[in-house]
PDB file of N, CA and C in Angstrom:
ATOM      1  N   UNK A   1      20.417 104.380  23.172  1.00  0.00           N
ATOM      2  CA  UNK A   1      19.511 105.204  23.948  1.00  0.00           C
ATOM      3  C   UNK A   1      20.262 106.442  24.424  1.00  0.00           C
ATOM      4  N   UNK A   2      19.537 107.563  24.488  1.00  0.00           N
ATOM      5  CA  UNK A   2      20.101 108.787  25.045  1.00  0.00           C
ATOM      6  C   UNK A   2      19.201 109.271  26.179  1.00  0.00           C
ATOM      7  N   UNK A   3      19.772 110.097  27.034  1.00  0.00           N
ATOM      8  CA  UNK A   3      18.999 110.753  28.088  1.00  0.00           C
ATOM      9  C   UNK A   3      18.977 112.236  27.759  1.00  0.00           C
ATOM     10  N   UNK A   4      17.789 112.810  27.748  1.00  0.00           N
ATOM     11  CA  UNK A   4      17.619 114.212  27.380  1.00  0.00           C
ATOM     12  C   UNK A   4      17.260 115.014  28.621  1.00  0.00           C
ATOM     13  N   UNK A   5      17.949 116.131  28.795  1.00  0.00           N
ATOM     14  CA  UNK A   5      17.621 117.074  29.860  1.00  0.00           C
ATOM     15  C   UNK A   5      17.365 118.424  29.209  1.00  0.00           C
ATOM     16  N   UNK A   6      16.132 118.881  29.337  1.00  0.00           N
ATOM     17  CA  UNK A   6      15.749 120.185  28.817  1.00  0.00           C
ATOM     18  C   UNK A   6      15.605 121.139  29.992  1.00  0.00           C
ATOM     19  N   UNK A   7      16.132 122.338  29.846  1.00  0.00           N
ATOM     20  CA  UNK A   7      15.988 123.368  30.864  1.00  0.00           C
ATOM     21  C   UNK A   7      15.117 124.476  30.294  1.00  0.00           C
ATOM     22  N   UNK A   8      14.030 124.718  30.962  1.00  0.00           N
ATOM     23  CA  UNK A   8      13.081 125.759  30.575  1.00  0.00           C
ATOM     24  C   UNK A   8      13.177 126.878  31.605  1.00  0.00           C
ATOM     25  N   UNK A   9      13.212 128.118  31.155  1.00  0.00           N
ATOM     26  CA  UNK A   9      13.278 129.261  32.061  1.00  0.00           C
ATOM     27  C   UNK A   9      12.007 130.081  31.890  1.00  0.00           C
ATOM     28  N   UNK A  10      11.135 129.974  32.876  1.00  0.00           N
ATOM     29  CA  UNK A  10       9.877 130.709  32.824  1.00  0.00           C
ATOM     30  C   UNK A  10      10.096 132.186  33.126  1.00  0.00           C
ATOM     31  N   UNK A  11       9.220 133.012  32.604  1.00  0.00           N
ATOM     32  CA  UNK A  11       9.202 134.417  32.994  1.00  0.00           C
ATOM     33  C   UNK A  11       8.763 134.483  34.454  1.00  0.00           C
ATOM     34  N   UNK A  12       9.299 135.455  35.186  1.00  0.00           N
ATOM     35  CA  UNK A  12       9.020 135.583  36.625  1.00  0.00           C
ATOM     36  C   UNK A  12       7.527 135.530  36.944  1.00  0.00           C
ATOM     37  N   UNK A  13       6.721 136.174  36.126  1.00  0.00           N
ATOM     38  CA  UNK A  13       5.290 136.261  36.432  1.00  0.00           C
ATOM     39  C   UNK A  13       4.569 134.920  36.319  1.00  0.00           C
ATOM     40  N   UNK A  14       5.236 133.906  35.795  1.00  0.00           N
ATOM     41  CA  UNK A  14       4.603 132.597  35.632  1.00  0.00           C
ATOM     42  C   UNK A  14       5.122 131.530  36.607  1.00  0.00           C
ATOM     43  N   UNK A  15       5.989 131.914  37.528  1.00  0.00           N
ATOM     44  CA  UNK A  15       6.582 130.950  38.468  1.00  0.00           C
ATOM     45  C   UNK A  15       5.511 130.184  39.243  1.00  0.00           C
ATOM     46  N   UNK A  16       4.485 130.879  39.715  1.00  0.00           N
ATOM     47  CA  UNK A  16       3.449 130.219  40.509  1.00  0.00           C
ATOM     48  C   UNK A  16       2.532 129.327  39.674  1.00  0.00           C
ATOM     49  N   UNK A  17       2.677 129.387  38.363  1.00  0.00           N
ATOM     50  CA  UNK A  17       1.862 128.567  37.467  1.00  0.00           C
ATOM     51  C   UNK A  17       2.684 127.467  36.796  1.00  0.00           C
ATOM     52  N   UNK A  18       3.860 127.197  37.327  1.00  0.00           N
ATOM     53  CA  UNK A  18       4.779 126.247  36.688  1.00  0.00           C
ATOM     54  C   UNK A  18       4.126 124.889  36.444  1.00  0.00           C
ATOM     55  N   UNK A  19       3.457 124.350  37.440  1.00  0.00           N
ATOM     56  CA  UNK A  19       2.825 123.035  37.285  1.00  0.00           C
ATOM     57  C   UNK A  19       1.796 123.060  36.153  1.00  0.00           C
ATOM     58  N   UNK A  20       0.926 124.044  36.160  1.00  0.00           N
ATOM     59  CA  UNK A  20      -0.111 124.129  35.137  1.00  0.00           C
ATOM     60  C   UNK A  20       0.484 124.314  33.741  1.00  0.00           C
ATOM     61  N   UNK A  21       1.503 125.161  33.640  1.00  0.00           N
ATOM     62  CA  UNK A  21       2.101 125.430  32.332  1.00  0.00           C
ATOM     63  C   UNK A  21       2.840 124.221  31.772  1.00  0.00           C
ATOM     64  N   UNK A  22       3.584 123.530  32.625  1.00  0.00           N
ATOM     65  CA  UNK A  22       4.309 122.359  32.140  1.00  0.00           C
ATOM     66  C   UNK A  22       3.340 121.223  31.824  1.00  0.00           C
ATOM     67  N   UNK A  23       2.230 121.146  32.562  1.00  0.00           N
ATOM     68  CA  UNK A  23       1.191 120.167  32.225  1.00  0.00           C
ATOM     69  C   UNK A  23       0.583 120.496  30.867  1.00  0.00           C
ATOM     70  N   UNK A  24       0.345 121.786  30.631  1.00  0.00           N
ATOM     71  CA  UNK A  24      -0.182 122.232  29.338  1.00  0.00           C
ATOM     72  C   UNK A  24       0.777 121.856  28.207  1.00  0.00           C
ATOM     73  N   UNK A  25       2.068 122.105  28.412  1.00  0.00           N
ATOM     74  CA  UNK A  25       3.059 121.759  27.395  1.00  0.00           C
ATOM     75  C   UNK A  25       3.090 120.253  27.156  1.00  0.00           C
ATOM     76  N   UNK A  26       3.085 119.485  28.233  1.00  0.00           N
ATOM     77  CA  UNK A  26       3.097 118.028  28.104  1.00  0.00           C
ATOM     78  C   UNK A  26       1.849 117.530  27.369  1.00  0.00           C
ATOM     79  N   UNK A  27       0.713 118.123  27.666  1.00  0.00           N
ATOM     80  CA  UNK A  27      -0.524 117.735  26.980  1.00  0.00           C
ATOM     81  C   UNK A  27      -0.439 118.037  25.486  1.00  0.00           C
ATOM     82  N   UNK A  28       0.176 119.171  25.147  1.00  0.00           N
ATOM     83  CA  UNK A  28       0.283 119.558  23.739  1.00  0.00           C
ATOM     84  C   UNK A  28       1.279 118.686  22.976  1.00  0.00           C
ATOM     85  N   UNK A  29       2.352 118.278  23.643  1.00  0.00           N
ATOM     86  CA  UNK A  29       3.394 117.495  22.974  1.00  0.00           C
ATOM     87  C   UNK A  29       3.228 115.989  23.144  1.00  0.00           C
ATOM     88  N   UNK A  30       2.435 115.588  24.123  1.00  0.00           N
ATOM     89  CA  UNK A  30       2.339 114.185  24.495  1.00  0.00           C
ATOM     90  C   UNK A  30       1.992 113.236  23.370  1.00  0.00           C
ATOM     91  N   UNK A  31       0.931 113.528  22.650  1.00  0.00           N
ATOM     92  CA  UNK A  31       0.507 112.618  21.579  1.00  0.00           C
ATOM     93  C   UNK A  31       1.561 112.532  20.481  1.00  0.00           C
ATOM     94  N   UNK A  32       2.121 113.674  20.119  1.00  0.00           N
ATOM     95  CA  UNK A  32       3.171 113.706  19.104  1.00  0.00           C
ATOM     96  C   UNK A  32       4.367 112.859  19.542  1.00  0.00           C
ATOM     97  N   UNK A  33       4.769 113.020  20.802  1.00  0.00           N
ATOM     98  CA  UNK A  33       5.917 112.270  21.323  1.00  0.00           C
ATOM     99  C   UNK A  33       5.607 110.780  21.444  1.00  0.00           C
ATOM    100  N   UNK A  34       4.442 110.459  22.008  1.00  0.00           N
ATOM    101  CA  UNK A  34       4.098 109.054  22.243  1.00  0.00           C
ATOM    102  C   UNK A  34       3.936 108.271  20.947  1.00  0.00           C
ATOM    103  N   UNK A  35       3.542 108.949  19.888  1.00  0.00           N
ATOM    104  CA  UNK A  35       3.386 108.289  18.594  1.00  0.00           C
ATOM    105  C   UNK A  35       4.700 108.190  17.825  1.00  0.00           C
ATOM    106  N   UNK A  36       5.727 108.861  18.313  1.00  0.00           N
ATOM    107  CA  UNK A  36       7.027 108.866  17.627  1.00  0.00           C
ATOM    108  C   UNK A  36       7.761 107.554  17.914  1.00  0.00           C
ATOM    109  N   UNK A  37       8.439 107.033  16.923  1.00  0.00           N
ATOM    110  CA  UNK A  37       9.149 105.751  17.083  1.00  0.00           C
ATOM    111  C   UNK A  37      10.296 105.832  18.090  1.00  0.00           C
ATOM    112  N   UNK A  38      10.762 107.025  18.418  1.00  0.00           N
ATOM    113  CA  UNK A  38      11.866 107.173  19.363  1.00  0.00           C
ATOM    114  C   UNK A  38      11.446 107.262  20.815  1.00  0.00           C
ATOM    115  N   UNK A  39      10.133 107.376  21.063  1.00  0.00           N
ATOM    116  CA  UNK A  39       9.634 107.542  22.425  1.00  0.00           C
ATOM    117  C   UNK A  39       9.875 106.284  23.249  1.00  0.00           C
ATOM    118  N   UNK A  40      10.386 106.443  24.472  1.00  0.00           N
ATOM    119  CA  UNK A  40      10.621 105.293  25.349  1.00  0.00           C
ATOM    120  C   UNK A  40       9.786 105.336  26.621  1.00  0.00           C
ATOM    121  N   UNK A  41       9.638 106.516  27.225  1.00  0.00           N
ATOM    122  CA  UNK A  41       8.938 106.601  28.505  1.00  0.00           C
ATOM    123  C   UNK A  41       8.560 108.054  28.771  1.00  0.00           C
ATOM    124  N   UNK A  42       7.713 108.244  29.751  1.00  0.00           N
ATOM    125  CA  UNK A  42       7.244 109.581  30.105  1.00  0.00           C
ATOM    126  C   UNK A  42       8.363 110.435  30.693  1.00  0.00           C
ATOM    127  N   UNK A  43       8.231 111.738  30.490  1.00  0.00           N
ATOM    128  CA  UNK A  43       9.193 112.700  31.040  1.00  0.00           C
ATOM    129  C   UNK A  43       8.918 112.936  32.521  1.00  0.00           C
ATOM    130  N   UNK A  44       9.941 113.420  33.206  1.00  0.00           N
ATOM    131  CA  UNK A  44       9.828 113.857  34.596  1.00  0.00           C
ATOM    132  C   UNK A  44      10.137 115.344  34.621  1.00  0.00           C
ATOM    133  N   UNK A  45       9.459 116.067  35.504  1.00  0.00           N
ATOM    134  CA  UNK A  45       9.600 117.513  35.584  1.00  0.00           C
ATOM    135  C   UNK A  45      10.042 117.905  36.989  1.00  0.00           C
ATOM    136  N   UNK A  46      10.980 118.856  37.062  1.00  0.00           N
ATOM    137  CA  UNK A  46      11.512 119.314  38.342  1.00  0.00           C
ATOM    138  C   UNK A  46      11.619 120.834  38.326  1.00  0.00           C
ATOM    139  N   UNK A  47      11.194 121.468  39.423  1.00  0.00           N
ATOM    140  CA  UNK A  47      11.339 122.913  39.545  1.00  0.00           C
ATOM    141  C   UNK A  47      12.479 123.197  40.508  1.00  0.00           C
ATOM    142  N   UNK A  48      13.383 124.072  40.100  1.00  0.00           N
ATOM    143  CA  UNK A  48      14.537 124.433  40.907  1.00  0.00           C
ATOM    144  C   UNK A  48      14.067 125.124  42.190  1.00  0.00           C
ATOM    145  N   UNK A  49      14.524 124.646  43.333  1.00  0.00           N
ATOM    146  CA  UNK A  49      14.112 125.197  44.623  1.00  0.00           C
ATOM    147  C   UNK A  49      14.708 126.569  44.895  1.00  0.00           C
ATOM    148  N   UNK A  50      15.878 126.850  44.350  1.00  0.00           N
ATOM    149  CA  UNK A  50      16.550 128.134  44.560  1.00  0.00           C
ATOM    150  C   UNK A  50      16.155 129.142  43.481  1.00  0.00           C
ATOM    151  N   UNK A  51      16.065 128.686  42.244  1.00  0.00           N
ATOM    152  CA  UNK A  51      15.667 129.527  41.105  1.00  0.00           C
ATOM    153  C   UNK A  51      14.374 128.952  40.524  1.00  0.00           C
ATOM    154  N   UNK A  52      13.232 129.294  41.093  1.00  0.00           N
ATOM    155  CA  UNK A  52      11.982 128.645  40.683  1.00  0.00           C
ATOM    156  C   UNK A  52      11.538 128.931  39.251  1.00  0.00           C
ATOM    157  N   UNK A  53      12.204 129.854  38.572  1.00  0.00           N
ATOM    158  CA  UNK A  53      11.894 130.058  37.153  1.00  0.00           C
ATOM    159  C   UNK A  53      12.449 128.924  36.304  1.00  0.00           C
ATOM    160  N   UNK A  54      13.361 128.149  36.858  1.00  0.00           N
ATOM    161  CA  UNK A  54      14.030 127.086  36.108  1.00  0.00           C
ATOM    162  C   UNK A  54      13.307 125.751  36.300  1.00  0.00           C
ATOM    163  N   UNK A  55      12.898 125.176  35.180  1.00  0.00           N
ATOM    164  CA  UNK A  55      12.223 123.878  35.163  1.00  0.00           C
ATOM    165  C   UNK A  55      13.075 122.906  34.352  1.00  0.00           C
ATOM    166  N   UNK A  56      13.283 121.724  34.906  1.00  0.00           N
ATOM    167  CA  UNK A  56      14.013 120.670  34.208  1.00  0.00           C
ATOM    168  C   UNK A  56      13.013 119.615  33.747  1.00  0.00           C
ATOM    169  N   UNK A  57      13.123 119.237  32.487  1.00  0.00           N
ATOM    170  CA  UNK A  57      12.359 118.125  31.930  1.00  0.00           C
ATOM    171  C   UNK A  57      13.386 117.057  31.551  1.00  0.00           C
ATOM    172  N   UNK A  58      13.191 115.841  32.035  1.00  0.00           N
ATOM    173  CA  UNK A  58      14.181 114.782  31.866  1.00  0.00           C
ATOM    174  C   UNK A  58      13.493 113.516  31.355  1.00  0.00           C
ATOM    175  N   UNK A  59      14.099 112.899  30.318  1.00  0.00           N
ATOM    176  CA  UNK A  59      13.500 111.687  29.755  1.00  0.00           C
ATOM    177  C   UNK A  59      14.509 110.942  28.882  1.00  0.00           C
ATOM    178  N   UNK A  60      14.234 109.668  28.664  1.00  0.00           N
ATOM    179  CA  UNK A  60      15.041 108.843  27.768  1.00  0.00           C
ATOM    180  C   UNK A  60      14.414 108.846  26.381  1.00  0.00           C
ATOM    181  N   UNK A  61      15.271 108.668  25.371  1.00  0.00           N
ATOM    182  CA  UNK A  61      14.817 108.633  23.980  1.00  0.00           C
ATOM    183  C   UNK A  61      15.626 107.570  23.249  1.00  0.00           C
ATOM    184  N   UNK A  62      15.074 107.024  22.197  1.00  0.00           N
ATOM    185  CA  UNK A  62      15.682 105.888  21.495  1.00  0.00           C
ATOM    186  C   UNK A  62      17.070 106.190  20.929  1.00  0.00           C
ATOM    187  N   UNK A  63      17.222 107.337  20.252  1.00  0.00           N
ATOM    188  CA  UNK A  63      18.507 107.660  19.633  1.00  0.00           C
ATOM    189  C   UNK A  63      18.613 109.164  19.414  1.00  0.00           C
ATOM    190  N   UNK A  64      19.823 109.627  19.203  1.00  0.00           N
ATOM    191  CA  UNK A  64      20.053 111.036  18.911  1.00  0.00           C
ATOM    192  C   UNK A  64      19.323 111.440  17.631  1.00  0.00           C
ATOM    193  N   UNK A  65      19.421 110.618  16.605  1.00  0.00           N
ATOM    194  CA  UNK A  65      18.799 110.934  15.324  1.00  0.00           C
ATOM    195  C   UNK A  65      17.280 111.045  15.445  1.00  0.00           C
ATOM    196  N   UNK A  66      16.674 110.107  16.150  1.00  0.00           N
ATOM    197  CA  UNK A  66      15.215 110.160  16.287  1.00  0.00           C
ATOM    198  C   UNK A  66      14.791 111.338  17.158  1.00  0.00           C
ATOM    199  N   UNK A  67      15.635 111.721  18.115  1.00  0.00           N
ATOM    200  CA  UNK A  67      15.293 112.880  18.941  1.00  0.00           C
ATOM    201  C   UNK A  67      15.425 114.177  18.154  1.00  0.00           C
ATOM    202  N   UNK A  68      16.420 114.259  17.294  1.00  0.00           N
ATOM    203  CA  UNK A  68      16.547 115.436  16.431  1.00  0.00           C
ATOM    204  C   UNK A  68      15.306 115.575  15.549  1.00  0.00           C
ATOM    205  N   UNK A  69      14.790 114.454  15.057  1.00  0.00           N
ATOM    206  CA  UNK A  69      13.566 114.466  14.264  1.00  0.00           C
ATOM    207  C   UNK A  69      12.389 114.960  15.096  1.00  0.00           C
ATOM    208  N   UNK A  70      12.264 114.468  16.322  1.00  0.00           N
ATOM    209  CA  UNK A  70      11.175 114.894  17.202  1.00  0.00           C
ATOM    210  C   UNK A  70      11.265 116.389  17.481  1.00  0.00           C
ATOM    211  N   UNK A  71      12.472 116.885  17.693  1.00  0.00           N
ATOM    212  CA  UNK A  71      12.676 118.308  17.966  1.00  0.00           C
ATOM    213  C   UNK A  71      12.172 119.158  16.801  1.00  0.00           C
ATOM    214  N   UNK A  72      12.403 118.698  15.593  1.00  0.00           N
ATOM    215  CA  UNK A  72      11.887 119.407  14.412  1.00  0.00           C
ATOM    216  C   UNK A  72      10.360 119.377  14.371  1.00  0.00           C
ATOM    217  N   UNK A  73       9.779 118.227  14.669  1.00  0.00           N
ATOM    218  CA  UNK A  73       8.323 118.080  14.611  1.00  0.00           C
ATOM    219  C   UNK A  73       7.605 118.956  15.635  1.00  0.00           C
ATOM    220  N   UNK A  74       8.211 119.139  16.805  1.00  0.00           N
ATOM    221  CA  UNK A  74       7.560 119.889  17.875  1.00  0.00           C
ATOM    222  C   UNK A  74       7.895 121.380  17.865  1.00  0.00           C
ATOM    223  N   UNK A  75       8.699 121.826  16.922  1.00  0.00           N
ATOM    224  CA  UNK A  75       9.245 123.187  16.971  1.00  0.00           C
ATOM    225  C   UNK A  75       8.180 124.284  16.980  1.00  0.00           C
ATOM    226  N   UNK A  76       7.103 124.137  16.242  1.00  0.00           N
ATOM    227  CA  UNK A  76       6.067 125.178  16.227  1.00  0.00           C
ATOM    228  C   UNK A  76       5.386 125.312  17.587  1.00  0.00           C
ATOM    229  N   UNK A  77       5.037 124.194  18.196  1.00  0.00           N
ATOM    230  CA  UNK A  77       4.394 124.209  19.512  1.00  0.00           C
ATOM    231  C   UNK A  77       5.337 124.808  20.543  1.00  0.00           C
ATOM    232  N   UNK A  78       6.589 124.385  20.518  1.00  0.00           N
ATOM    233  CA  UNK A  78       7.584 124.878  21.470  1.00  0.00           C
ATOM    234  C   UNK A  78       7.804 126.375  21.300  1.00  0.00           C
ATOM    235  N   UNK A  79       7.889 126.844  20.077  1.00  0.00           N
ATOM    236  CA  UNK A  79       8.119 128.274  19.823  1.00  0.00           C
ATOM    237  C   UNK A  79       7.008 129.140  20.402  1.00  0.00           C
ATOM    238  N   UNK A  80       5.778 128.721  20.232  1.00  0.00           N
ATOM    239  CA  UNK A  80       4.638 129.471  20.775  1.00  0.00           C
ATOM    240  C   UNK A  80       4.699 129.496  22.298  1.00  0.00           C
ATOM    241  N   UNK A  81       4.985 128.350  22.913  1.00  0.00           N
ATOM    242  CA  UNK A  81       5.083 128.263  24.369  1.00  0.00           C
ATOM    243  C   UNK A  81       6.206 129.155  24.891  1.00  0.00           C
ATOM    244  N   UNK A  82       7.369 129.076  24.259  1.00  0.00           N
ATOM    245  CA  UNK A  82       8.518 129.874  24.688  1.00  0.00           C
ATOM    246  C   UNK A  82       8.228 131.369  24.586  1.00  0.00           C
ATOM    247  N   UNK A  83       7.629 131.774  23.495  1.00  0.00           N
ATOM    248  CA  UNK A  83       7.345 133.198  23.295  1.00  0.00           C
ATOM    249  C   UNK A  83       6.404 133.731  24.372  1.00  0.00           C
ATOM    250  N   UNK A  84       5.428 132.936  24.733  1.00  0.00           N
ATOM    251  CA  UNK A  84       4.412 133.383  25.686  1.00  0.00           C
ATOM    252  C   UNK A  84       4.874 133.289  27.139  1.00  0.00           C
ATOM    253  N   UNK A  85       5.558 132.202  27.508  1.00  0.00           N
ATOM    254  CA  UNK A  85       5.813 131.920  28.914  1.00  0.00           C
ATOM    255  C   UNK A  85       7.277 131.932  29.349  1.00  0.00           C
ATOM    256  N   UNK A  86       8.206 131.923  28.418  1.00  0.00           N
ATOM    257  CA  UNK A  86       9.614 131.739  28.786  1.00  0.00           C
ATOM    258  C   UNK A  86      10.440 133.014  28.616  1.00  0.00           C
ATOM    259  N   UNK A  87      11.435 133.147  29.485  1.00  0.00           N
ATOM    260  CA  UNK A  87      12.353 134.287  29.429  1.00  0.00           C
ATOM    261  C   UNK A  87      13.396 134.105  28.334  1.00  0.00           C
ATOM    262  N   UNK A  88      13.619 132.854  27.948  1.00  0.00           N
ATOM    263  CA  UNK A  88      14.586 132.550  26.891  1.00  0.00           C
ATOM    264  C   UNK A  88      14.254 131.175  26.324  1.00  0.00           C
ATOM    265  N   UNK A  89      14.822 130.832  25.173  1.00  0.00           N
ATOM    266  CA  UNK A  89      14.562 129.504  24.601  1.00  0.00           C
ATOM    267  C   UNK A  89      15.067 128.384  25.523  1.00  0.00           C
ATOM    268  N   UNK A  90      14.426 127.242  25.442  1.00  0.00           N
ATOM    269  CA  UNK A  90      14.861 126.101  26.251  1.00  0.00           C
ATOM    270  C   UNK A  90      16.289 125.721  25.876  1.00  0.00           C
ATOM    271  N   UNK A  91      16.979 125.169  26.842  1.00  0.00           N
ATOM    272  CA  UNK A  91      18.298 124.592  26.595  1.00  0.00           C
ATOM    273  C   UNK A  91      18.108 123.085  26.581  1.00  0.00           C
ATOM    274  N   UNK A  92      18.746 122.429  25.632  1.00  0.00           N
ATOM    275  CA  UNK A  92      18.580 120.990  25.510  1.00  0.00           C
ATOM    276  C   UNK A  92      19.945 120.317  25.487  1.00  0.00           C
ATOM    277  N   UNK A  93      20.101 119.325  26.352  1.00  0.00           N
ATOM    278  CA  UNK A  93      21.331 118.540  26.384  1.00  0.00           C
ATOM    279  C   UNK A  93      20.968 117.077  26.237  1.00  0.00           C
ATOM    280  N   UNK A  94      21.756 116.385  25.431  1.00  0.00           N
ATOM    281  CA  UNK A  94      21.534 114.959  25.184  1.00  0.00           C
ATOM    282  C   UNK A  94      22.765 114.197  25.661  1.00  0.00           C
ATOM    283  N   UNK A  95      22.532 113.163  26.448  1.00  0.00           N
ATOM    284  CA  UNK A  95      23.617 112.410  27.064  1.00  0.00           C
ATOM    285  C   UNK A  95      23.523 110.935  26.708  1.00  0.00           C
ATOM    286  N   UNK A  96      24.667 110.283  26.674  1.00  0.00           N
ATOM    287  CA  UNK A  96      24.689 108.824  26.633  1.00  0.00           C
ATOM    288  C   UNK A  96      25.296 108.366  27.956  1.00  0.00           C
ATOM    289  N   UNK A  97      24.858 107.223  28.425  1.00  0.00           N
ATOM    290  CA  UNK A  97      25.274 106.733  29.734  1.00  0.00           C
ATOM    291  C   UNK A  97      26.659 106.104  29.661  1.00  0.00           C
ATOM    292  N   UNK A  98      27.447 106.376  30.676  1.00  0.00           N
ATOM    293  CA  UNK A  98      28.734 105.700  30.845  1.00  0.00           C
ATOM    294  C   UNK A  98      28.494 104.476  31.716  1.00  0.00           C
ATOM    295  N   UNK A  99      29.025 103.361  31.319  1.00  0.00           N
ATOM    296  CA  UNK A  99      28.800 102.110  32.031  1.00  0.00           C
ATOM    297  C   UNK A  99      29.780 101.979  33.197  1.00  0.00           C
ATOM    298  N   UNK A 100      29.636 102.870  34.171  1.00  0.00           N
ATOM    299  CA  UNK A 100      30.498 102.858  35.350  1.00  0.00           C
ATOM    300  C   UNK A 100      30.005 101.771  36.300  1.00  0.00           C
ATOM    301  N   UNK A 101      30.915 100.946  36.781  1.00  0.00           N
ATOM    302  CA  UNK A 101      30.572  99.896  37.733  1.00  0.00           C
ATOM    303  C   UNK A 101      30.427 100.525  39.110  1.00  0.00           C
ATOM    304  N   UNK A 102      29.203 100.604  39.598  1.00  0.00           N
ATOM    305  CA  UNK A 102      28.945 101.230  40.896  1.00  0.00           C
ATOM    306  C   UNK A 102      28.665 100.208  41.993  1.00  0.00           C
ATOM    307  N   UNK A 103      28.816  98.932  41.688  1.00  0.00           N
ATOM    308  CA  UNK A 103      28.627  97.881  42.692  1.00  0.00           C
ATOM    309  C   UNK A 103      29.950  97.621  43.397  1.00  0.00           C
ATOM    310  N   UNK A 104      30.096  98.179  44.570  1.00  0.00           N
ATOM    311  CA  UNK A 104      31.350  98.016  45.335  1.00  0.00           C
ATOM    312  C   UNK A 104      31.115  97.217  46.583  1.00  0.00           C
TER     313      UNK A 104
END
């Protein structure tokens, strides 16, 4: 399993519409993602309190390989969204968890 953190940077004029725009994106990608064999759970969305143009989308995915496949499948939808609403392309980071013992 991997954890994916996507950073989206909205254009300034769309900051007040962040909720609606990210809901629109989720609606457009949701069926494609949910039907994908790598899908594990719903994404969470966070708006930066200091830089409100910055939106974080965070979710788990089955594997790096299956997520790379999903990224290819969604590329047309993402490109249209980025061109219209974003100041720059999304940044995507994929992480694997370190099994740190936090029970002290």
